[in-house]
Amino acid sequence: MNEFNLINKYLKSLTFNKQSSLQLNDDVFFDKKNKFVVSVDTYNEGTHFINFNSPNLVIKKIIRSSISDLICKGVYPKYYFISASVNKKNFNKLKLKKIIESLRAEQKKYKIFLAGGDTVFSNKLSFTIVSVGISMNIIYRNKAKIYDDIYVTGNLGDSFAGLLTIKKKIRINSYLKKYFIKKYYLPDIKFSLIKNLRKIANTSIDISDGLVADMGKMINNQKLSYQIFLEKIPISSNLSKILKKNKLLKENFISNGDDYEILFTANKNNRSLIKKISKKCKTKITRIGFIKKNTTKSSLLNTLNSKIILKNKGYSHNF
């Protein structure tokens, strides 16, 4: 079964229909009365990061991807808990020192602090992060409206190119190698957009599993579909270079996950406001499609308006 089968068939009943649990169909728990917002994520070596040879980078990736769940909800992260399943090989004094230095830097950058956690011995390296924010409101999933515009922040595909670079599956020069590996380990989460996001977004999600996969999650309980245009999906000039040089297809890079950009929908009347916010926050925001009725299936279209069938629609959690 996949994660949605597991949640709907076995776990949802345990919430006792408490509103704060959001029917287990969002990235966070939201206790509106107490202004309490919580997200939980687990990261396993070999699945969420290749190895632990660069602990200083891995731990930054983990922290950023965790607080990204709050940021895409329009919530400022305040503190976090971290639990680690480790052993002597991956948690020696040198690596521990690098981890602490990275955590301190991330705490300063995002104005958060460590609140607690746990450590246990395990042959399998794993981290679990609980991120907590305080807010009166959040941007929910499944609140898209018919004819909403679909937007994405930043660029897509750089992290996947970084993964391929680390695995030595693409050949590039040293400058591009450094650029893409950095994009893989250090996602540029949109901290500066938090406050303004609540002014413009009807619904939102961060792109962790992939553009198409997360687009589906964002509207999964609504009788809606979407239309996205491949040519409008933003990619970096560096990615464009390697696609051209290696004769690779853009559609094979834009929905592989780990981008941690914000995907959201907004009313067409907000187009000028979104441009102003983009400029003010110095954050790239691109309109890539629109929401429509579910009389036709969701689609990703090329320049000829032909439907593109993706080889990989994103990461799927299957059990």
C-alpha atoms as a PDB file:
ATOM      1  CA  MET A   1       0.000   0.000   0.000  1.00  0.00           C
ATOM      2  CA  ASN A   2       1.055   3.625  -0.361  1.00  0.00           C
ATOM      3  CA  GLU A   3       1.088   6.257   2.386  1.00  0.00           C
ATOM      4  CA  PHE A   4      -2.452   7.445   1.609  1.00  0.00           C
ATOM      5  CA  ASN A   5      -3.883   3.909   1.842  1.00  0.00           C
ATOM      6  CA  LEU A   6      -2.107   3.493   5.166  1.00  0.00           C
ATOM      7  CA  ILE A   7      -3.392   6.799   6.524  1.00  0.00           C
ATOM      8  CA  ASN A   8      -6.976   6.480   5.321  1.00  0.00           C
ATOM      9  CA  LYS A   9      -7.497   2.797   6.153  1.00  0.00           C
ATOM     10  CA  TYR A  10      -5.619   2.483   9.435  1.00  0.00           C
ATOM     11  CA  LEU A  11      -4.524   5.774  10.987  1.00  0.00           C
ATOM     12  CA  LYS A  12      -7.185   8.421  10.327  1.00  0.00           C
ATOM     13  CA  SER A  13      -9.628   6.923  12.849  1.00  0.00           C
ATOM     14  CA  LEU A  14      -7.087   7.513  15.621  1.00  0.00           C
ATOM     15  CA  THR A  15      -7.495  11.292  15.297  1.00  0.00           C
ATOM     16  CA  PHE A  16     -11.108  11.038  16.599  1.00  0.00           C
ATOM     17  CA  ASN A  17     -11.947  13.630  13.929  1.00  0.00           C
ATOM     18  CA  LYS A  18     -10.139  16.328  15.891  1.00  0.00           C
ATOM     19  CA  GLN A  19      -9.930  19.419  13.692  1.00  0.00           C
ATOM     20  CA  SER A  20      -6.297  20.072  14.620  1.00  0.00           C
ATOM     21  CA  SER A  21      -5.166  16.869  12.907  1.00  0.00           C
ATOM     22  CA  LEU A  22      -6.472  18.154   9.553  1.00  0.00           C
ATOM     23  CA  GLN A  23      -7.629  14.591   8.770  1.00  0.00           C
ATOM     24  CA  LEU A  24      -3.935  13.642   8.429  1.00  0.00           C
ATOM     25  CA  ASN A  25      -4.072  15.202   4.970  1.00  0.00           C
ATOM     26  CA  ASP A  26      -1.661  18.099   5.384  1.00  0.00           C
ATOM     27  CA  ASP A  27       1.988  18.607   6.227  1.00  0.00           C
ATOM     28  CA  VAL A  28       1.277  19.932   9.707  1.00  0.00           C
ATOM     29  CA  PHE A  29      -0.803  19.648  12.854  1.00  0.00           C
ATOM     30  CA  PHE A  30      -2.569  22.954  13.606  1.00  0.00           C
ATOM     31  CA  ASP A  31      -4.087  23.755  16.977  1.00  0.00           C
ATOM     32  CA  LYS A  32      -5.779  27.031  16.078  1.00  0.00           C
ATOM     33  CA  LYS A  33      -6.914  27.774  19.644  1.00  0.00           C
ATOM     34  CA  ASN A  34      -3.360  27.623  20.988  1.00  0.00           C
ATOM     35  CA  LYS A  35      -1.727  28.921  17.776  1.00  0.00           C
ATOM     36  CA  PHE A  36       0.401  25.772  17.652  1.00  0.00           C
ATOM     37  CA  VAL A  37       1.773  24.363  14.352  1.00  0.00           C
ATOM     38  CA  VAL A  38       3.836  21.157  14.209  1.00  0.00           C
ATOM     39  CA  SER A  39       5.483  19.108  11.475  1.00  0.00           C
ATOM     40  CA  VAL A  40       7.318  15.775  11.790  1.00  0.00           C
ATOM     41  CA  ASP A  41       9.780  14.267   9.310  1.00  0.00           C
ATOM     42  CA  THR A  42      12.109  11.276   9.314  1.00  0.00           C
ATOM     43  CA  TYR A  43      15.230  11.049   7.153  1.00  0.00           C
ATOM     44  CA  ASN A  44      16.996   7.737   6.459  1.00  0.00           C
ATOM     45  CA  GLU A  45      20.456   7.236   5.015  1.00  0.00           C
ATOM     46  CA  GLY A  46      20.221   5.769   1.530  1.00  0.00           C
ATOM     47  CA  THR A  47      16.702   7.127   1.004  1.00  0.00           C
ATOM     48  CA  HIS A  48      16.676  10.802   1.947  1.00  0.00           C
ATOM     49  CA  PHE A  49      20.421  11.360   1.685  1.00  0.00           C
ATOM     50  CA  ILE A  50      23.008   9.171  -0.059  1.00  0.00           C
ATOM     51  CA  ASN A  51      25.517   8.837   2.760  1.00  0.00           C
ATOM     52  CA  PHE A  52      26.891  10.647   5.792  1.00  0.00           C
ATOM     53  CA  ASN A  53      30.305  11.529   4.382  1.00  0.00           C
ATOM     54  CA  SER A  54      29.448  15.236   4.658  1.00  0.00           C
ATOM     55  CA  PRO A  55      27.517  15.471   7.957  1.00  0.00           C
ATOM     56  CA  ASN A  56      27.714  19.271   7.957  1.00  0.00           C
ATOM     57  CA  LEU A  57      25.770  19.391   4.674  1.00  0.00           C
ATOM     58  CA  VAL A  58      23.378  16.525   5.393  1.00  0.00           C
ATOM     59  CA  ILE A  59      22.196  18.047   8.659  1.00  0.00           C
ATOM     60  CA  LYS A  60      21.569  21.406   6.957  1.00  0.00           C
ATOM     61  CA  LYS A  61      19.500  19.696   4.274  1.00  0.00           C
ATOM     62  CA  ILE A  62      17.486  17.914   6.951  1.00  0.00           C
ATOM     63  CA  ILE A  63      16.786  21.067   8.974  1.00  0.00           C
ATOM     64  CA  ARG A  64      15.807  23.116   5.910  1.00  0.00           C
ATOM     65  CA  SER A  65      13.532  20.469   4.465  1.00  0.00           C
ATOM     66  CA  SER A  66      11.852  20.067   7.860  1.00  0.00           C
ATOM     67  CA  ILE A  67      11.075  23.751   8.485  1.00  0.00           C
ATOM     68  CA  SER A  68      10.003  24.008   4.842  1.00  0.00           C
ATOM     69  CA  ASP A  69       6.755  22.293   5.885  1.00  0.00           C
ATOM     70  CA  LEU A  70       5.970  25.266   8.124  1.00  0.00           C
ATOM     71  CA  ILE A  71       7.191  27.913   5.717  1.00  0.00           C
ATOM     72  CA  CYS A  72       4.892  26.770   2.903  1.00  0.00           C
ATOM     73  CA  LYS A  73       1.986  27.086   5.363  1.00  0.00           C
ATOM     74  CA  GLY A  74       2.902  30.745   5.962  1.00  0.00           C
ATOM     75  CA  VAL A  75       4.261  29.975   9.445  1.00  0.00           C
ATOM     76  CA  TYR A  76       7.536  31.090  11.023  1.00  0.00           C
ATOM     77  CA  PRO A  77       9.420  28.152  12.611  1.00  0.00           C
ATOM     78  CA  LYS A  78      10.359  28.807  16.243  1.00  0.00           C
ATOM     79  CA  TYR A  79      12.095  25.698  17.570  1.00  0.00           C
ATOM     80  CA  TYR A  80      12.767  22.065  16.762  1.00  0.00           C
ATOM     81  CA  PHE A  81      13.401  18.667  18.318  1.00  0.00           C
ATOM     82  CA  ILE A  82      15.876  16.216  16.812  1.00  0.00           C
ATOM     83  CA  SER A  83      16.169  12.482  17.407  1.00  0.00           C
ATOM     84  CA  ALA A  84      19.030  10.471  15.939  1.00  0.00           C
ATOM     85  CA  SER A  85      19.510   6.727  15.469  1.00  0.00           C
ATOM     86  CA  VAL A  86      23.289   6.408  15.171  1.00  0.00           C
ATOM     87  CA  ASN A  87      26.423   4.388  15.890  1.00  0.00           C
ATOM     88  CA  LYS A  88      30.148   5.047  16.414  1.00  0.00           C
ATOM     89  CA  LYS A  89      30.903   4.949  12.705  1.00  0.00           C
ATOM     90  CA  ASN A  90      28.601   7.827  11.772  1.00  0.00           C
ATOM     91  CA  PHE A  91      28.612   9.731  15.057  1.00  0.00           C
ATOM     92  CA  ASN A  92      32.272  10.111  16.046  1.00  0.00           C
ATOM     93  CA  LYS A  93      33.602  13.288  17.679  1.00  0.00           C
ATOM     94  CA  LEU A  94      34.725  14.907  14.416  1.00  0.00           C
ATOM     95  CA  LYS A  95      31.356  14.388  12.716  1.00  0.00           C
ATOM     96  CA  LEU A  96      29.513  15.462  15.850  1.00  0.00           C
ATOM     97  CA  LYS A  97      31.503  18.705  15.900  1.00  0.00           C
ATOM     98  CA  LYS A  98      30.563  19.393  12.275  1.00  0.00           C
ATOM     99  CA  ILE A  99      26.903  18.653  13.035  1.00  0.00           C
ATOM    100  CA  ILE A 100      26.857  21.104  15.953  1.00  0.00           C
ATOM    101  CA  GLU A 101      28.518  23.823  13.868  1.00  0.00           C
ATOM    102  CA  SER A 102      25.942  23.371  11.111  1.00  0.00           C
ATOM    103  CA  LEU A 103      22.999  23.341  13.504  1.00  0.00           C
ATOM    104  CA  ARG A 104      24.255  26.531  15.132  1.00  0.00           C
ATOM    105  CA  ALA A 105      24.540  28.208  11.723  1.00  0.00           C
ATOM    106  CA  GLU A 106      21.035  27.106  10.690  1.00  0.00           C
ATOM    107  CA  GLN A 107      19.569  28.276  13.978  1.00  0.00           C
ATOM    108  CA  LYS A 108      21.065  31.707  13.468  1.00  0.00           C
ATOM    109  CA  LYS A 109      19.961  31.872   9.827  1.00  0.00           C
ATOM    110  CA  TYR A 110      16.340  30.902  10.484  1.00  0.00           C
ATOM    111  CA  LYS A 111      15.961  32.243  14.041  1.00  0.00           C
ATOM    112  CA  ILE A 112      15.166  28.852  15.589  1.00  0.00           C
ATOM    113  CA  PHE A 113      16.559  26.919  18.546  1.00  0.00           C
ATOM    114  CA  LEU A 114      16.916  23.331  19.696  1.00  0.00           C
ATOM    115  CA  ALA A 115      14.229  22.337  22.207  1.00  0.00           C
ATOM    116  CA  GLY A 116      15.050  18.680  22.818  1.00  0.00           C
ATOM    117  CA  GLY A 117      15.269  15.233  21.256  1.00  0.00           C
ATOM    118  CA  ASP A 118      16.722  11.791  21.719  1.00  0.00           C
ATOM    119  CA  THR A 119      19.642   9.603  20.632  1.00  0.00           C
ATOM    120  CA  VAL A 120      19.634   5.815  20.300  1.00  0.00           C
ATOM    121  CA  PHE A 121      22.067   3.222  18.993  1.00  0.00           C
ATOM    122  CA  SER A 122      21.229   1.736  15.590  1.00  0.00           C
ATOM    123  CA  ASN A 123      23.039   0.150  12.662  1.00  0.00           C
ATOM    124  CA  LYS A 124      20.834   2.267  10.395  1.00  0.00           C
ATOM    125  CA  LEU A 125      21.469   6.020  10.417  1.00  0.00           C
ATOM    126  CA  SER A 126      18.243   8.007  10.764  1.00  0.00           C
ATOM    127  CA  PHE A 127      17.093  11.436  11.956  1.00  0.00           C
ATOM    128  CA  THR A 128      13.623  12.572  12.986  1.00  0.00           C
ATOM    129  CA  ILE A 129      12.880  16.293  13.218  1.00  0.00           C
ATOM    130  CA  VAL A 130       9.869  17.882  14.890  1.00  0.00           C
ATOM    131  CA  SER A 131       9.525  21.525  13.825  1.00  0.00           C
ATOM    132  CA  VAL A 132       7.242  23.867  15.740  1.00  0.00           C
ATOM    133  CA  GLY A 133       5.802  27.267  14.851  1.00  0.00           C
ATOM    134  CA  ILE A 134       3.340  29.691  16.415  1.00  0.00           C
ATOM    135  CA  SER A 135       0.594  31.161  14.233  1.00  0.00           C
ATOM    136  CA  MET A 136      -3.054  32.208  14.286  1.00  0.00           C
ATOM    137  CA  ASN A 137      -3.597  30.956  10.742  1.00  0.00           C
ATOM    138  CA  ILE A 138      -2.086  28.653   8.148  1.00  0.00           C
ATOM    139  CA  ILE A 139      -2.494  28.049   4.430  1.00  0.00           C
ATOM    140  CA  TYR A 140      -4.276  24.713   4.095  1.00  0.00           C
ATOM    141  CA  ARG A 141      -4.207  22.051   1.414  1.00  0.00           C
ATOM    142  CA  ASN A 142      -7.351  21.435  -0.646  1.00  0.00           C
ATOM    143  CA  LYS A 143      -8.431  25.082  -0.722  1.00  0.00           C
ATOM    144  CA  ALA A 144      -7.794  25.719  -4.411  1.00  0.00           C
ATOM    145  CA  LYS A 145     -10.495  27.435  -6.453  1.00  0.00           C
ATOM    146  CA  ILE A 146     -11.551  26.806 -10.045  1.00  0.00           C
ATOM    147  CA  TYR A 147      -9.484  28.978 -12.416  1.00  0.00           C
ATOM    148  CA  ASP A 148      -6.868  29.749  -9.772  1.00  0.00           C
ATOM    149  CA  ASP A 149      -3.409  30.405 -11.179  1.00  0.00           C
ATOM    150  CA  ILE A 150      -0.713  27.897 -10.205  1.00  0.00           C
ATOM    151  CA  TYR A 151       2.631  29.316  -9.056  1.00  0.00           C
ATOM    152  CA  VAL A 152       6.005  27.966  -8.037  1.00  0.00           C
ATOM    153  CA  THR A 153       8.891  29.767  -6.368  1.00  0.00           C
ATOM    154  CA  GLY A 154      12.527  29.549  -7.481  1.00  0.00           C
ATOM    155  CA  ASN A 155      13.744  26.959  -9.976  1.00  0.00           C
ATOM    156  CA  LEU A 156      13.049  23.240 -10.235  1.00  0.00           C
ATOM    157  CA  GLY A 157      15.400  20.408 -11.123  1.00  0.00           C
ATOM    158  CA  ASP A 158      18.710  21.637  -9.700  1.00  0.00           C
ATOM    159  CA  SER A 159      18.577  19.276  -6.727  1.00  0.00           C
ATOM    160  CA  PHE A 160      17.965  16.257  -8.974  1.00  0.00           C
ATOM    161  CA  ALA A 161      20.866  17.350 -11.162  1.00  0.00           C
ATOM    162  CA  GLY A 162      22.933  17.501  -7.978  1.00  0.00           C
ATOM    163  CA  LEU A 163      21.931  13.954  -7.079  1.00  0.00           C
ATOM    164  CA  LEU A 164      22.929  12.730 -10.549  1.00  0.00           C
ATOM    165  CA  THR A 165      26.221  14.625 -10.187  1.00  0.00           C
ATOM    166  CA  ILE A 166      26.988  12.947  -6.856  1.00  0.00           C
ATOM    167  CA  LYS A 167      26.154   9.560  -8.392  1.00  0.00           C
ATOM    168  CA  LYS A 168      28.409  10.448 -11.360  1.00  0.00           C
ATOM    169  CA  LYS A 169      25.593   9.904 -13.850  1.00  0.00           C
ATOM    170  CA  ILE A 170      26.214  13.169 -15.685  1.00  0.00           C
ATOM    171  CA  ARG A 171      29.523  14.714 -16.726  1.00  0.00           C
ATOM    172  CA  ILE A 172      29.943  18.416 -16.099  1.00  0.00           C
ATOM    173  CA  ASN A 173      32.748  20.853 -15.377  1.00  0.00           C
ATOM    174  CA  SER A 174      33.976  21.587 -11.848  1.00  0.00           C
ATOM    175  CA  TYR A 175      32.002  24.851 -11.535  1.00  0.00           C
ATOM    176  CA  LEU A 176      28.675  23.229 -12.409  1.00  0.00           C
ATOM    177  CA  LYS A 177      29.497  20.208 -10.269  1.00  0.00           C
ATOM    178  CA  LYS A 178      29.962  22.445  -7.239  1.00  0.00           C
ATOM    179  CA  TYR A 179      26.797  24.412  -8.061  1.00  0.00           C
ATOM    180  CA  PHE A 180      24.497  21.387  -8.371  1.00  0.00           C
ATOM    181  CA  ILE A 181      25.874  19.533  -5.349  1.00  0.00           C
ATOM    182  CA  LYS A 182      25.269  22.673  -3.299  1.00  0.00           C
ATOM    183  CA  LYS A 183      21.692  22.823  -4.586  1.00  0.00           C
ATOM    184  CA  TYR A 184      21.169  19.203  -3.561  1.00  0.00           C
ATOM    185  CA  TYR A 185      22.407  19.694  -0.007  1.00  0.00           C
ATOM    186  CA  LEU A 186      21.350  23.297   0.620  1.00  0.00           C
ATOM    187  CA  PRO A 187      17.820  23.982  -0.681  1.00  0.00           C
ATOM    188  CA  ASP A 188      16.991  27.675  -0.860  1.00  0.00           C
ATOM    189  CA  ILE A 189      13.845  27.686   1.248  1.00  0.00           C
ATOM    190  CA  LYS A 190      11.774  30.859   0.937  1.00  0.00           C
ATOM    191  CA  PHE A 191      11.969  32.252   4.470  1.00  0.00           C
ATOM    192  CA  SER A 192      11.455  35.851   3.303  1.00  0.00           C
ATOM    193  CA  LEU A 193       8.118  34.974   1.704  1.00  0.00           C
ATOM    194  CA  ILE A 194       6.375  33.615   4.826  1.00  0.00           C
ATOM    195  CA  LYS A 195       4.431  36.707   5.867  1.00  0.00           C
ATOM    196  CA  ASN A 196       3.333  37.650   2.366  1.00  0.00           C
ATOM    197  CA  LEU A 197       2.379  34.122   1.318  1.00  0.00           C
ATOM    198  CA  ARG A 198      -0.739  34.246   3.480  1.00  0.00           C
ATOM    199  CA  LYS A 199      -1.886  37.344   1.558  1.00  0.00           C
ATOM    200  CA  ILE A 200      -1.894  35.652  -1.833  1.00  0.00           C
ATOM    201  CA  ALA A 201      -2.165  31.848  -1.601  1.00  0.00           C
ATOM    202  CA  ASN A 202      -5.449  29.933  -1.473  1.00  0.00           C
ATOM    203  CA  THR A 203      -3.613  26.652  -0.925  1.00  0.00           C
ATOM    204  CA  SER A 204       0.033  25.591  -0.793  1.00  0.00           C
ATOM    205  CA  ILE A 205       2.565  22.795  -0.350  1.00  0.00           C
ATOM    206  CA  ASP A 206       6.341  22.503  -0.523  1.00  0.00           C
ATOM    207  CA  ILE A 207       7.794  20.472  -3.366  1.00  0.00           C
ATOM    208  CA  SER A 208       9.479  17.600  -1.583  1.00  0.00           C
ATOM    209  CA  ASP A 209       8.293  14.563  -3.548  1.00  0.00           C
ATOM    210  CA  GLY A 210       8.100  16.229  -6.969  1.00  0.00           C
ATOM    211  CA  LEU A 211       6.036  18.840  -8.838  1.00  0.00           C
ATOM    212  CA  VAL A 212       3.399  16.454 -10.221  1.00  0.00           C
ATOM    213  CA  ALA A 213       3.195  14.297  -7.091  1.00  0.00           C
ATOM    214  CA  ASP A 214       2.844  17.305  -4.789  1.00  0.00           C
ATOM    215  CA  MET A 215       0.419  19.057  -7.133  1.00  0.00           C
ATOM    216  CA  GLY A 216      -1.813  16.014  -6.812  1.00  0.00           C
ATOM    217  CA  LYS A 217      -1.535  16.039  -3.016  1.00  0.00           C
ATOM    218  CA  MET A 218      -2.425  19.715  -2.824  1.00  0.00           C
ATOM    219  CA  ILE A 219      -5.847  19.152  -4.424  1.00  0.00           C
ATOM    220  CA  ASN A 220      -6.353  15.437  -3.707  1.00  0.00           C
ATOM    221  CA  ASN A 221      -9.734  15.786  -1.967  1.00  0.00           C
ATOM    222  CA  GLN A 222     -11.170  18.344  -4.368  1.00  0.00           C
ATOM    223  CA  LYS A 223     -13.129  17.740  -7.549  1.00  0.00           C
ATOM    224  CA  LEU A 224     -10.590  19.713  -9.538  1.00  0.00           C
ATOM    225  CA  SER A 225      -7.801  19.118 -12.019  1.00  0.00           C
ATOM    226  CA  TYR A 226      -4.909  21.210 -13.283  1.00  0.00           C
ATOM    227  CA  GLN A 227      -3.114  22.199 -16.438  1.00  0.00           C
ATOM    228  CA  ILE A 228       0.603  22.992 -16.280  1.00  0.00           C
ATOM    229  CA  PHE A 229       2.776  24.179 -19.156  1.00  0.00           C
ATOM    230  CA  LEU A 230       6.259  22.656 -19.383  1.00  0.00           C
ATOM    231  CA  GLU A 231       7.779  25.733 -21.043  1.00  0.00           C
ATOM    232  CA  LYS A 232       6.686  27.918 -18.107  1.00  0.00           C
ATOM    233  CA  ILE A 233       8.237  25.725 -15.402  1.00  0.00           C
ATOM    234  CA  PRO A 234      11.330  27.664 -14.268  1.00  0.00           C
ATOM    235  CA  ILE A 235      14.774  26.084 -14.381  1.00  0.00           C
ATOM    236  CA  SER A 236      18.162  27.666 -13.754  1.00  0.00           C
ATOM    237  CA  SER A 237      20.461  28.783 -16.560  1.00  0.00           C
ATOM    238  CA  ASN A 238      22.975  26.208 -15.317  1.00  0.00           C
ATOM    239  CA  LEU A 239      20.467  23.370 -15.661  1.00  0.00           C
ATOM    240  CA  SER A 240      19.475  24.661 -19.085  1.00  0.00           C
ATOM    241  CA  LYS A 241      23.130  24.451 -20.124  1.00  0.00           C
ATOM    242  CA  ILE A 242      23.595  20.812 -19.144  1.00  0.00           C
ATOM    243  CA  LEU A 243      20.265  19.804 -20.690  1.00  0.00           C
ATOM    244  CA  LYS A 244      21.362  21.300 -23.983  1.00  0.00           C
ATOM    245  CA  LYS A 245      24.920  19.973 -23.823  1.00  0.00           C
ATOM    246  CA  ASN A 246      23.916  16.426 -22.863  1.00  0.00           C
ATOM    247  CA  LYS A 247      20.746  16.379 -24.998  1.00  0.00           C
ATOM    248  CA  LEU A 248      18.561  15.743 -21.965  1.00  0.00           C
ATOM    249  CA  LEU A 249      14.845  16.474 -21.661  1.00  0.00           C
ATOM    250  CA  LYS A 250      13.541  19.147 -19.310  1.00  0.00           C
ATOM    251  CA  GLU A 251      10.528  17.017 -18.377  1.00  0.00           C
ATOM    252  CA  ASN A 252      12.834  14.399 -16.842  1.00  0.00           C
ATOM    253  CA  PHE A 253      14.216  16.912 -14.335  1.00  0.00           C
ATOM    254  CA  ILE A 254      11.277  18.994 -13.099  1.00  0.00           C
ATOM    255  CA  SER A 255       9.351  16.465 -11.014  1.00  0.00           C
ATOM    256  CA  ASN A 256      11.884  14.391  -9.104  1.00  0.00           C
ATOM    257  CA  GLY A 257      11.530  16.015  -5.699  1.00  0.00           C
ATOM    258  CA  ASP A 258      13.896  17.572  -3.162  1.00  0.00           C
ATOM    259  CA  ASP A 259      13.355  21.078  -4.564  1.00  0.00           C
ATOM    260  CA  TYR A 260      11.656  22.466  -1.422  1.00  0.00           C
ATOM    261  CA  GLU A 261      10.205  25.334  -3.419  1.00  0.00           C
ATOM    262  CA  ILE A 262       6.677  26.509  -2.636  1.00  0.00           C
ATOM    263  CA  LEU A 263       3.852  25.397  -4.917  1.00  0.00           C
ATOM    264  CA  PHE A 264       0.656  27.403  -4.468  1.00  0.00           C
ATOM    265  CA  THR A 265      -2.523  28.592  -6.157  1.00  0.00           C
ATOM    266  CA  ALA A 266      -3.904  32.109  -6.170  1.00  0.00           C
ATOM    267  CA  ASN A 267      -6.801  34.094  -7.581  1.00  0.00           C
ATOM    268  CA  LYS A 268      -6.141  35.700 -10.974  1.00  0.00           C
ATOM    269  CA  ASN A 269      -6.850  39.078  -9.411  1.00  0.00           C
ATOM    270  CA  ASN A 270      -3.663  38.690  -7.371  1.00  0.00           C
ATOM    271  CA  ARG A 271      -1.305  38.650 -10.353  1.00  0.00           C
ATOM    272  CA  SER A 272      -0.060  42.220  -9.937  1.00  0.00           C
ATOM    273  CA  LEU A 273       0.233  41.822  -6.155  1.00  0.00           C
ATOM    274  CA  ILE A 274       2.273  38.644  -6.604  1.00  0.00           C
ATOM    275  CA  LYS A 275       4.659  40.474  -8.922  1.00  0.00           C
ATOM    276  CA  LYS A 276       5.100  43.204  -6.303  1.00  0.00           C
ATOM    277  CA  ILE A 277       5.714  40.674  -3.536  1.00  0.00           C
ATOM    278  CA  SER A 278       8.168  38.789  -5.725  1.00  0.00           C
ATOM    279  CA  LYS A 279      10.152  41.972  -6.296  1.00  0.00           C
ATOM    280  CA  LYS A 280       9.911  43.120  -2.670  1.00  0.00           C
ATOM    281  CA  CYS A 281      11.038  39.767  -1.250  1.00  0.00           C
ATOM    282  CA  LYS A 282      13.612  39.239  -4.009  1.00  0.00           C
ATOM    283  CA  THR A 283      12.053  35.850  -4.629  1.00  0.00           C
ATOM    284  CA  LYS A 284      11.388  34.377  -8.048  1.00  0.00           C
ATOM    285  CA  ILE A 285       7.705  33.440  -8.415  1.00  0.00           C
ATOM    286  CA  THR A 286       6.502  31.944 -11.712  1.00  0.00           C
ATOM    287  CA  ARG A 287       2.976  31.272 -12.956  1.00  0.00           C
ATOM    288  CA  ILE A 288       3.028  27.800 -14.544  1.00  0.00           C
ATOM    289  CA  GLY A 289      -0.615  26.861 -15.093  1.00  0.00           C
ATOM    290  CA  PHE A 290      -4.134  26.961 -13.735  1.00  0.00           C
ATOM    291  CA  ILE A 291      -6.771  24.982 -11.852  1.00  0.00           C
ATOM    292  CA  LYS A 292      -9.786  23.737 -13.802  1.00  0.00           C
ATOM    293  CA  LYS A 293     -12.859  21.550 -13.380  1.00  0.00           C
ATOM    294  CA  ASN A 294     -12.284  17.820 -13.229  1.00  0.00           C
ATOM    295  CA  THR A 295     -14.245  17.187 -16.406  1.00  0.00           C
ATOM    296  CA  THR A 296     -10.851  16.489 -18.005  1.00  0.00           C
ATOM    297  CA  LYS A 297      -7.771  14.890 -16.463  1.00  0.00           C
ATOM    298  CA  SER A 298      -4.880  16.887 -15.071  1.00  0.00           C
ATOM    299  CA  SER A 299      -2.146  17.426 -17.629  1.00  0.00           C
ATOM    300  CA  LEU A 300       1.382  18.658 -18.257  1.00  0.00           C
ATOM    301  CA  LEU A 301       1.542  20.139 -21.755  1.00  0.00           C
ATOM    302  CA  ASN A 302       4.415  20.846 -24.140  1.00  0.00           C
ATOM    303  CA  THR A 303       4.688  23.776 -26.572  1.00  0.00           C
ATOM    304  CA  LEU A 304       2.371  21.987 -29.021  1.00  0.00           C
ATOM    305  CA  ASN A 305      -0.258  21.563 -26.288  1.00  0.00           C
ATOM    306  CA  SER A 306       0.318  17.809 -26.355  1.00  0.00           C
ATOM    307  CA  LYS A 307       0.176  15.916 -23.082  1.00  0.00           C
ATOM    308  CA  ILE A 308       3.528  14.806 -21.689  1.00  0.00           C
ATOM    309  CA  ILE A 309       3.767  11.400 -20.042  1.00  0.00           C
ATOM    310  CA  LEU A 310       6.437  11.606 -17.357  1.00  0.00           C
ATOM    311  CA  LYS A 311       8.707   8.666 -16.605  1.00  0.00           C
ATOM    312  CA  ASN A 312       8.888   9.823 -13.003  1.00  0.00           C
ATOM    313  CA  LYS A 313       6.007  11.777 -11.468  1.00  0.00           C
ATOM    314  CA  GLY A 314       7.797  12.084  -8.138  1.00  0.00           C
ATOM    315  CA  TYR A 315       8.638  10.043  -5.078  1.00  0.00           C
ATOM    316  CA  SER A 316       5.995   7.660  -3.802  1.00  0.00           C
ATOM    317  CA  HIS A 317       6.048   6.225  -0.266  1.00  0.00           C
ATOM    318  CA  ASN A 318       5.068   2.584  -0.685  1.00  0.00           C
ATOM    319  CA  PHE A 319       5.011  -0.139   1.954  1.00  0.00           C
END
